N, C-alpha and C. Protein backbone atom coordinates (compact mmCIF):
# COMPACT_ATOMS: atom_id res chain seq x y z
N UNK A 1 -25.29 -17.16 3.61
CA UNK A 1 -24.15 -17.26 4.51
C UNK A 1 -23.38 -18.54 4.20
N UNK A 2 -22.07 -18.42 4.27
CA UNK A 2 -21.19 -19.56 4.08
C UNK A 2 -20.14 -19.52 5.18
N UNK A 3 -20.07 -20.57 5.96
CA UNK A 3 -19.11 -20.65 7.07
C UNK A 3 -19.34 -19.52 8.08
N UNK A 4 -20.55 -19.05 8.20
CA UNK A 4 -20.86 -17.99 9.14
C UNK A 4 -20.46 -16.60 8.66
N UNK A 5 -20.08 -16.49 7.40
CA UNK A 5 -19.70 -15.20 6.81
C UNK A 5 -20.59 -14.97 5.60
N UNK A 6 -20.73 -13.73 5.18
CA UNK A 6 -21.49 -13.49 3.96
C UNK A 6 -20.88 -14.26 2.79
N UNK A 7 -21.73 -14.87 1.99
CA UNK A 7 -21.28 -15.69 0.87
C UNK A 7 -20.36 -14.91 -0.05
N UNK A 8 -20.72 -13.65 -0.33
CA UNK A 8 -19.90 -12.85 -1.26
C UNK A 8 -18.49 -12.62 -0.72
N UNK A 9 -18.36 -12.48 0.59
CA UNK A 9 -17.03 -12.28 1.18
C UNK A 9 -16.18 -13.54 1.03
N UNK A 10 -16.76 -14.70 1.30
CA UNK A 10 -16.03 -15.96 1.17
C UNK A 10 -15.65 -16.19 -0.29
N UNK A 11 -16.58 -15.94 -1.20
CA UNK A 11 -16.32 -16.13 -2.63
C UNK A 11 -15.22 -15.18 -3.10
N UNK A 12 -15.25 -13.93 -2.66
CA UNK A 12 -14.23 -12.95 -3.05
C UNK A 12 -12.85 -13.39 -2.55
N UNK A 13 -12.80 -13.88 -1.32
CA UNK A 13 -11.52 -14.32 -0.77
C UNK A 13 -10.99 -15.55 -1.50
N UNK A 14 -11.87 -16.49 -1.84
CA UNK A 14 -11.45 -17.67 -2.59
C UNK A 14 -10.95 -17.26 -3.97
N UNK A 15 -11.64 -16.32 -4.61
CA UNK A 15 -11.22 -15.84 -5.94
C UNK A 15 -9.87 -15.13 -5.87
N UNK A 16 -9.57 -14.52 -4.72
CA UNK A 16 -8.31 -13.80 -4.55
C UNK A 16 -7.16 -14.74 -4.22
N UNK A 17 -7.45 -16.04 -4.08
CA UNK A 17 -6.38 -17.00 -3.86
C UNK A 17 -6.23 -17.47 -2.42
N UNK A 18 -7.15 -17.08 -1.54
CA UNK A 18 -7.08 -17.54 -0.15
C UNK A 18 -7.47 -19.01 -0.08
N UNK A 19 -6.92 -19.71 0.90
CA UNK A 19 -7.33 -21.09 1.12
C UNK A 19 -8.73 -21.09 1.72
N UNK A 20 -9.36 -22.25 1.76
CA UNK A 20 -10.70 -22.34 2.35
C UNK A 20 -10.65 -21.93 3.82
N UNK A 21 -9.59 -22.32 4.52
CA UNK A 21 -9.47 -21.95 5.94
C UNK A 21 -9.36 -20.44 6.10
N UNK A 22 -8.55 -19.79 5.26
CA UNK A 22 -8.41 -18.34 5.35
C UNK A 22 -9.71 -17.64 4.97
N UNK A 23 -10.38 -18.12 3.95
CA UNK A 23 -11.61 -17.49 3.49
C UNK A 23 -12.73 -17.61 4.51
N UNK A 24 -12.73 -18.69 5.27
CA UNK A 24 -13.81 -18.90 6.23
C UNK A 24 -13.45 -18.49 7.65
N UNK A 25 -12.23 -18.07 7.87
CA UNK A 25 -11.78 -17.67 9.20
C UNK A 25 -12.54 -16.44 9.66
N UNK A 26 -12.83 -16.37 10.94
CA UNK A 26 -13.59 -15.25 11.48
C UNK A 26 -12.71 -14.07 11.84
N UNK A 27 -11.40 -14.25 11.88
CA UNK A 27 -10.52 -13.13 12.18
C UNK A 27 -10.28 -12.34 10.89
N UNK A 28 -10.03 -11.04 11.00
CA UNK A 28 -9.81 -10.26 9.79
C UNK A 28 -8.52 -10.68 9.10
N UNK A 29 -8.52 -10.63 7.79
CA UNK A 29 -7.34 -10.97 7.00
C UNK A 29 -6.38 -9.78 7.06
N UNK A 30 -5.11 -10.06 7.26
CA UNK A 30 -4.11 -9.00 7.29
C UNK A 30 -4.00 -8.35 5.93
N UNK A 31 -4.02 -7.04 5.92
CA UNK A 31 -3.89 -6.29 4.68
C UNK A 31 -2.42 -6.24 4.29
N UNK A 32 -2.16 -6.36 3.00
CA UNK A 32 -0.79 -6.22 2.51
C UNK A 32 -0.39 -4.76 2.54
N UNK A 33 0.86 -4.54 2.80
CA UNK A 33 1.36 -3.18 2.71
C UNK A 33 1.96 -2.98 1.32
N UNK A 34 1.92 -1.78 0.86
CA UNK A 34 2.44 -1.49 -0.47
C UNK A 34 3.95 -1.67 -0.49
N UNK A 35 4.44 -2.28 -1.54
CA UNK A 35 5.87 -2.50 -1.68
C UNK A 35 6.42 -1.72 -2.87
N UNK A 36 5.65 -0.76 -3.33
CA UNK A 36 6.10 -0.01 -4.49
C UNK A 36 6.67 1.35 -4.11
N UNK A 37 6.89 1.59 -2.84
CA UNK A 37 7.44 2.85 -2.40
C UNK A 37 8.91 2.98 -2.79
N UNK A 38 9.32 4.20 -3.01
CA UNK A 38 10.69 4.48 -3.40
C UNK A 38 11.30 5.38 -2.34
N UNK A 39 12.42 4.97 -1.77
CA UNK A 39 13.10 5.85 -0.83
C UNK A 39 13.98 6.80 -1.64
N UNK A 40 14.19 7.98 -1.09
CA UNK A 40 14.92 9.01 -1.80
C UNK A 40 15.83 9.74 -0.83
N UNK A 41 17.00 10.11 -1.29
CA UNK A 41 17.94 10.87 -0.46
C UNK A 41 18.18 12.22 -1.12
N UNK A 42 17.95 13.27 -0.35
CA UNK A 42 18.17 14.64 -0.82
C UNK A 42 19.03 15.34 0.21
N UNK A 43 20.14 15.88 -0.23
CA UNK A 43 21.07 16.61 0.64
C UNK A 43 21.43 15.78 1.88
N UNK A 44 21.79 14.54 1.65
CA UNK A 44 22.19 13.60 2.71
C UNK A 44 21.09 13.30 3.72
N UNK A 45 19.84 13.59 3.38
CA UNK A 45 18.72 13.24 4.25
C UNK A 45 17.85 12.23 3.51
N UNK A 46 17.58 11.11 4.18
CA UNK A 46 16.82 10.02 3.56
C UNK A 46 15.34 10.15 3.90
N UNK A 47 14.50 10.00 2.87
CA UNK A 47 13.04 10.04 3.02
C UNK A 47 12.49 8.71 2.54
N UNK A 48 11.44 8.24 3.16
CA UNK A 48 10.87 6.94 2.78
C UNK A 48 10.00 7.03 1.53
N UNK A 49 9.67 8.24 1.09
CA UNK A 49 8.87 8.39 -0.12
C UNK A 49 9.01 9.80 -0.67
N UNK A 50 8.60 9.96 -1.93
CA UNK A 50 8.58 11.29 -2.52
C UNK A 50 7.63 12.20 -1.74
N UNK A 51 6.52 11.64 -1.30
CA UNK A 51 5.53 12.44 -0.57
C UNK A 51 6.12 13.01 0.72
N UNK A 52 6.84 12.20 1.47
CA UNK A 52 7.46 12.67 2.72
C UNK A 52 8.48 13.77 2.44
N UNK A 53 9.26 13.59 1.37
CA UNK A 53 10.26 14.61 1.02
C UNK A 53 9.57 15.91 0.62
N UNK A 54 8.52 15.79 -0.19
CA UNK A 54 7.80 16.98 -0.63
C UNK A 54 7.17 17.71 0.56
N UNK A 55 6.63 16.97 1.50
CA UNK A 55 6.04 17.58 2.69
C UNK A 55 7.10 18.31 3.50
N UNK A 56 8.27 17.73 3.60
CA UNK A 56 9.37 18.35 4.35
C UNK A 56 9.75 19.70 3.73
N UNK A 57 9.76 19.75 2.39
CA UNK A 57 10.17 20.97 1.70
C UNK A 57 8.99 21.90 1.39
N UNK A 58 7.78 21.47 1.72
CA UNK A 58 6.61 22.32 1.54
C UNK A 58 6.20 22.54 0.09
N UNK A 59 6.41 21.52 -0.75
CA UNK A 59 6.00 21.62 -2.14
C UNK A 59 5.17 20.39 -2.50
N UNK A 60 4.49 20.48 -3.64
CA UNK A 60 3.67 19.36 -4.10
C UNK A 60 4.57 18.20 -4.54
N UNK A 61 4.07 17.00 -4.36
CA UNK A 61 4.83 15.80 -4.72
C UNK A 61 5.22 15.81 -6.20
N UNK A 62 4.28 16.18 -7.08
CA UNK A 62 4.58 16.22 -8.51
C UNK A 62 5.64 17.27 -8.83
N UNK A 63 5.60 18.40 -8.12
CA UNK A 63 6.61 19.44 -8.34
C UNK A 63 8.00 18.92 -7.98
N UNK A 64 8.09 18.19 -6.89
CA UNK A 64 9.38 17.62 -6.48
C UNK A 64 9.89 16.65 -7.54
N UNK A 65 9.01 15.80 -8.04
CA UNK A 65 9.42 14.83 -9.07
C UNK A 65 9.89 15.55 -10.34
N UNK A 66 9.17 16.59 -10.74
CA UNK A 66 9.59 17.34 -11.94
C UNK A 66 10.94 18.01 -11.72
N UNK A 67 11.14 18.59 -10.57
CA UNK A 67 12.42 19.26 -10.29
C UNK A 67 13.58 18.27 -10.29
N UNK A 68 13.35 17.08 -9.78
CA UNK A 68 14.42 16.08 -9.75
C UNK A 68 14.71 15.54 -11.15
N UNK A 69 13.71 15.48 -12.01
CA UNK A 69 13.92 15.01 -13.38
C UNK A 69 14.75 16.00 -14.19
N UNK A 70 14.70 17.27 -13.84
CA UNK A 70 15.44 18.30 -14.58
C UNK A 70 16.94 18.22 -14.30
N UNK A 71 17.32 17.67 -13.16
CA UNK A 71 18.74 17.62 -12.78
C UNK A 71 19.42 16.41 -13.34
């Protein structure tokens, strides 16, 4: 145990670039949200991702991407 947490957890957090205070803090670390999402507009309707658009149209995400590449 290190700082009241499992040693491996503190070491992993330090290796990931956390400060000593963040690595030893007892509160959970906030997870980052993905910033690689692409918004898309189809027929004047905006979707926050290809997946949401594909779900709206009832087709697979890869099928939607292939169809858009053909146009």
